Each structure stands twice: as structure tokens, then as C-alpha cells.
C-alpha atoms as a PDB file:
ATOM      1  CA  MET A   1      10.367 -19.679 -45.163  1.00  0.00           C
ATOM      2  CA  LYS A   2       6.719 -19.774 -44.044  1.00  0.00           C
ATOM      3  CA  ILE A   3       7.475 -22.342 -41.337  1.00  0.00           C
ATOM      4  CA  LYS A   4      10.072 -20.006 -39.810  1.00  0.00           C
ATOM      5  CA  ALA A   5       7.631 -17.104 -39.850  1.00  0.00           C
ATOM      6  CA  VAL A   6       4.862 -19.177 -38.227  1.00  0.00           C
ATOM      7  CA  LEU A   7       7.301 -20.496 -35.631  1.00  0.00           C
ATOM      8  CA  ALA A   8       8.563 -16.969 -34.890  1.00  0.00           C
ATOM      9  CA  MET A   9       5.017 -15.627 -34.528  1.00  0.00           C
ATOM     10  CA  THR A  10       4.076 -18.531 -32.245  1.00  0.00           C
ATOM     11  CA  LEU A  11       7.104 -17.933 -30.022  1.00  0.00           C
ATOM     12  CA  LEU A  12       6.381 -14.201 -29.933  1.00  0.00           C
ATOM     13  CA  ALA A  13       2.751 -14.810 -28.945  1.00  0.00           C
ATOM     14  CA  LEU A  14       3.866 -17.260 -26.262  1.00  0.00           C
ATOM     15  CA  ALA A  15       6.387 -14.753 -24.878  1.00  0.00           C
ATOM     16  CA  VAL A  16       3.764 -12.002 -24.771  1.00  0.00           C
ATOM     17  CA  GLY A  17       1.325 -14.342 -23.022  1.00  0.00           C
ATOM     18  CA  VAL A  18       3.878 -15.341 -20.374  1.00  0.00           C
ATOM     19  CA  GLY A  19       4.875 -11.695 -19.875  1.00  0.00           C
ATOM     20  CA  MET A  20       1.276 -10.566 -19.408  1.00  0.00           C
ATOM     21  CA  SER A  21       0.569 -13.405 -16.994  1.00  0.00           C
ATOM     22  CA  SER A  22       3.656 -12.600 -14.921  1.00  0.00           C
ATOM     23  CA  PHE A  23       2.819  -8.902 -14.864  1.00  0.00           C
ATOM     24  CA  ARG A  24      -0.740  -9.601 -13.708  1.00  0.00           C
ATOM     25  CA  LYS A  25       0.559 -11.710 -10.813  1.00  0.00           C
ATOM     26  CA  THR A  26       2.872  -8.932  -9.585  1.00  0.00           C
ATOM     27  CA  VAL A  27       0.212  -6.201  -9.556  1.00  0.00           C
ATOM     28  CA  THR A  28      -1.224  -5.645  -6.091  1.00  0.00           C
ATOM     29  CA  PRO A  29      -4.813  -4.399  -6.411  1.00  0.00           C
ATOM     30  CA  TYR A  30      -5.869  -1.276  -4.539  1.00  0.00           C
ATOM     31  CA  ILE A  31      -9.188  -1.911  -2.762  1.00  0.00           C
ATOM     32  CA  GLY A  32     -11.417  -0.590   0.021  1.00  0.00           C
ATOM     33  CA  PHE A  33     -11.549  -1.883   3.601  1.00  0.00           C
ATOM     34  CA  ARG A  34     -14.647  -4.048   3.080  1.00  0.00           C
ATOM     35  CA  GLU A  35     -13.118  -5.776   0.071  1.00  0.00           C
ATOM     36  CA  ALA A  36      -9.826  -6.224   1.945  1.00  0.00           C
ATOM     37  CA  ARG A  37     -11.617  -8.087   4.725  1.00  0.00           C
ATOM     38  CA  ARG A  38     -13.017 -10.577   2.181  1.00  0.00           C
ATOM     39  CA  SER A  39      -9.888 -10.878   0.037  1.00  0.00           C
ATOM     40  CA  THR A  40      -7.498 -13.793   0.446  1.00  0.00           C
ATOM     41  CA  GLY A  41      -4.557 -12.418  -1.520  1.00  0.00           C
ATOM     42  CA  LEU A  42      -2.144  -9.536  -1.236  1.00  0.00           C
ATOM     43  CA  VAL A  43      -3.916  -6.165  -1.545  1.00  0.00           C
ATOM     44  CA  GLN A  44      -3.289  -2.548  -0.743  1.00  0.00           C
ATOM     45  CA  VAL A  45      -5.504  -0.157   1.178  1.00  0.00           C
ATOM     46  CA  ASN A  46      -5.033   3.471   2.016  1.00  0.00           C
ATOM     47  CA  GLY A  47      -6.306   5.930   4.538  1.00  0.00           C
ATOM     48  CA  PHE A  48      -5.307   8.257   7.317  1.00  0.00           C
ATOM     49  CA  LEU A  49      -4.043   7.635  10.812  1.00  0.00           C
ATOM     50  CA  ALA A  50      -7.311   7.368  12.787  1.00  0.00           C
ATOM     51  CA  ASP A  51      -5.743   8.666  16.008  1.00  0.00           C
ATOM     52  CA  LYS A  52      -2.371   9.169  17.665  1.00  0.00           C
ATOM     53  CA  ARG A  53      -2.876   6.147  19.954  1.00  0.00           C
ATOM     54  CA  TYR A  54      -0.629   3.760  18.107  1.00  0.00           C
ATOM     55  CA  VAL A  55       1.747   1.168  19.561  1.00  0.00           C
ATOM     56  CA  LEU A  56       5.329   1.441  18.393  1.00  0.00           C
ATOM     57  CA  LYS A  57       7.951  -1.032  19.579  1.00  0.00           C
ATOM     58  CA  GLN A  58      11.015   0.189  17.731  1.00  0.00           C
ATOM     59  CA  HIS A  59      13.375  -2.510  19.057  1.00  0.00           C
ATOM     60  CA  GLU A  60      10.944  -5.240  17.912  1.00  0.00           C
ATOM     61  CA  GLN A  61      10.152  -3.454  14.634  1.00  0.00           C
ATOM     62  CA  PHE A  62       6.446  -3.614  15.467  1.00  0.00           C
ATOM     63  CA  LEU A  63       3.746  -1.048  14.803  1.00  0.00           C
ATOM     64  CA  SER A  64       0.025  -1.299  15.526  1.00  0.00           C
ATOM     65  CA  PHE A  65      -2.341   1.488  14.514  1.00  0.00           C
ATOM     66  CA  ARG A  66      -5.836   2.222  13.233  1.00  0.00           C
ATOM     67  CA  LEU A  67      -6.349   3.325   9.644  1.00  0.00           C
ATOM     68  CA  ARG A  68      -9.397   5.422   8.662  1.00  0.00           C
ATOM     69  CA  ASP A  69     -10.630   5.560   5.053  1.00  0.00           C
ATOM     70  CA  GLU A  70     -12.420   8.435   3.301  1.00  0.00           C
ATOM     71  CA  HIS A  71     -15.810   6.970   4.363  1.00  0.00           C
ATOM     72  CA  GLY A  72     -14.882   7.068   8.063  1.00  0.00           C
ATOM     73  CA  GLU A  73     -14.487   3.295   8.341  1.00  0.00           C
ATOM     74  CA  VAL A  74     -11.643   2.214  10.644  1.00  0.00           C
ATOM     75  CA  MET A  75      -9.470  -0.883  10.324  1.00  0.00           C
ATOM     76  CA  PRO A  76      -6.764  -2.072  12.751  1.00  0.00           C
ATOM     77  CA  VAL A  77      -3.369  -2.596  11.115  1.00  0.00           C
ATOM     78  CA  GLU A  78      -0.263  -4.424  12.341  1.00  0.00           C
ATOM     79  CA  TYR A  79       3.110  -4.037  10.676  1.00  0.00           C
ATOM     80  CA  ARG A  80       6.387  -5.773  11.364  1.00  0.00           C
ATOM     81  CA  GLY A  81       9.405  -4.204   9.732  1.00  0.00           C
ATOM     82  CA  VAL A  82      11.349  -0.975   9.619  1.00  0.00           C
ATOM     83  CA  VAL A  83       8.947   1.723  10.768  1.00  0.00           C
ATOM     84  CA  PRO A  84       9.064   4.893   8.648  1.00  0.00           C
ATOM     85  CA  GLY A  85      10.678   7.664  10.689  1.00  0.00           C
ATOM     86  CA  ASN A  86       8.005  10.186   9.708  1.00  0.00           C
ATOM     87  CA  PHE A  87       5.045   7.910  10.472  1.00  0.00           C
ATOM     88  CA  ASP A  88       3.395  10.248  13.007  1.00  0.00           C
ATOM     89  CA  GLN A  89       3.464  13.109  10.479  1.00  0.00           C
ATOM     90  CA  ALA A  90       1.707  11.091   7.768  1.00  0.00           C
ATOM     91  CA  THR A  91      -1.084  12.705   5.812  1.00  0.00           C
ATOM     92  CA  SER A  92      -1.841   9.428   4.031  1.00  0.00           C
ATOM     93  CA  ILE A  93      -0.790   5.809   4.596  1.00  0.00           C
ATOM     94  CA  VAL A  94      -0.855   2.937   2.097  1.00  0.00           C
ATOM     95  CA  ALA A  95      -0.670  -0.527   3.671  1.00  0.00           C
ATOM     96  CA  ILE A  96       0.147  -3.534   1.501  1.00  0.00           C
ATOM     97  CA  GLY A  97      -0.702  -6.943   2.927  1.00  0.00           C
ATOM     98  CA  ARG A  98      -3.684  -9.143   3.751  1.00  0.00           C
ATOM     99  CA  TYR A  99      -6.526  -9.205   6.260  1.00  0.00           C
ATOM    100  CA  GLU A 100      -5.996 -11.967   8.854  1.00  0.00           C
ATOM    101  CA  ARG A 101      -7.103 -12.550  12.444  1.00  0.00           C
ATOM    102  CA  ASP A 102      -9.415  -9.497  12.639  1.00  0.00           C
ATOM    103  CA  ARG A 103      -6.768  -7.029  11.440  1.00  0.00           C
ATOM    104  CA  PHE A 104      -4.839  -6.040   8.369  1.00  0.00           C
ATOM    105  CA  GLN A 105      -1.363  -7.595   8.466  1.00  0.00           C
ATOM    106  CA  ALA A 106       0.777  -5.140   6.503  1.00  0.00           C
ATOM    107  CA  GLU A 107       3.923  -6.359   4.814  1.00  0.00           C
ATOM    108  CA  GLN A 108       4.812  -2.904   3.563  1.00  0.00           C
ATOM    109  CA  LEU A 109       3.887   0.678   4.504  1.00  0.00           C
ATOM    110  CA  LEU A 110       4.056   3.690   2.232  1.00  0.00           C
ATOM    111  CA  VAL A 111       3.761   6.973   4.089  1.00  0.00           C
ATOM    112  CA  LYS A 112       2.930  10.304   2.488  1.00  0.00           C
ATOM    113  CA  CYS A 113       3.897  13.332   4.532  1.00  0.00           C
ATOM    114  CA  PRO A 114       3.458  17.020   3.879  1.00  0.00           C
ATOM    115  CA  SER A 115       6.452  18.343   2.038  1.00  0.00           C
ATOM    116  CA  LYS A 116       8.600  21.102   3.434  1.00  0.00           C
ATOM    117  CA  TYR A 117       7.391  23.290   0.559  1.00  0.00           C
ATOM    118  CA  GLN A 118       3.751  22.898   1.632  1.00  0.00           C
ATOM    119  CA  ALA A 119       4.731  23.820   5.190  1.00  0.00           C
ATOM    120  CA  GLU A 120       6.614  26.900   3.956  1.00  0.00           C
ATOM    121  CA  ALA A 121       3.654  27.947   1.790  1.00  0.00           C
ATOM    122  CA  GLN A 122       1.290  27.664   4.757  1.00  0.00           C
ATOM    123  CA  LYS A 123       3.671  29.715   6.919  1.00  0.00           C
ATOM    124  CA  GLY A 124       3.624  32.405   4.249  1.00  0.00           C
ATOM    125  CA  ARG A 125      -0.189  32.484   4.212  1.00  0.00           C
ATOM    126  CA  THR A 126      -0.498  32.783   7.991  1.00  0.00           C
ATOM    127  CA  ALA A 127       2.151  35.497   8.162  1.00  0.00           C
ATOM    128  CA  SER A 128       0.180  37.718   5.718  1.00  0.00           C
END
């Protein structure tokens, strides 16, 4: 009976170890621009659209823009994929990818836009 218990505990510990290792590999760390420039793996950075001078080639699914962080640092970003339809209204942008060839090559973009409820609340304040 003890051998079965030891074997079961060993298998359970092994399963937990494999699960934790797999989970750690799938987590994309969230880092600042300076760290992203030095990193070799997949990371995520966030910021705001630095200016409205971005290049959008919808038919090629290409987007090039400049991202500004909360410290005022700016980093060029290139993204190839389906461009979010509300990109130019973004209040915050998260880019997931890696820094290569003097720019951040984003594999995924997450765009946060003001909700319609925030817009309605602001309309109500200005109307008063």
C-alpha cells in the first residue's frame, strides 16, 4: 500500500511541476520600453499613440505607429495583421511582440478605447 501512495505522490508532484513549467512559458511579461529593447523573447509593452501620423495599409494588413509610455519615451512599432477598427480612437495600446531591427515588431495589438458610457457621461457634464 505504501508503494502505491509514494508512486501516486511522485506522479502528482511531477504533474504539478510540468504544469507550472508550461504555465510559466505561456506568460508574456509586461515590461517597459528600455527592457523591451534588451529583451530577446516575447514581451508586452503598453502606452499611448504618440501622434496621429501613423501608416496604415489596410490591404496589406500593415500598421506602423509610434507608442509613447507614461515617462514620455517613444518607441516605433510595426504590426502585421488585422488592424483593430477603432485604432485611431485608442486611449491605450498594448503591443505584444519583440524588439527587432530598431523597432518593436508586434504580433498582437490590444486596443483600449473610451466606452460609449464614458462619452455619454462627459456629454452630460458639458451640457450642465
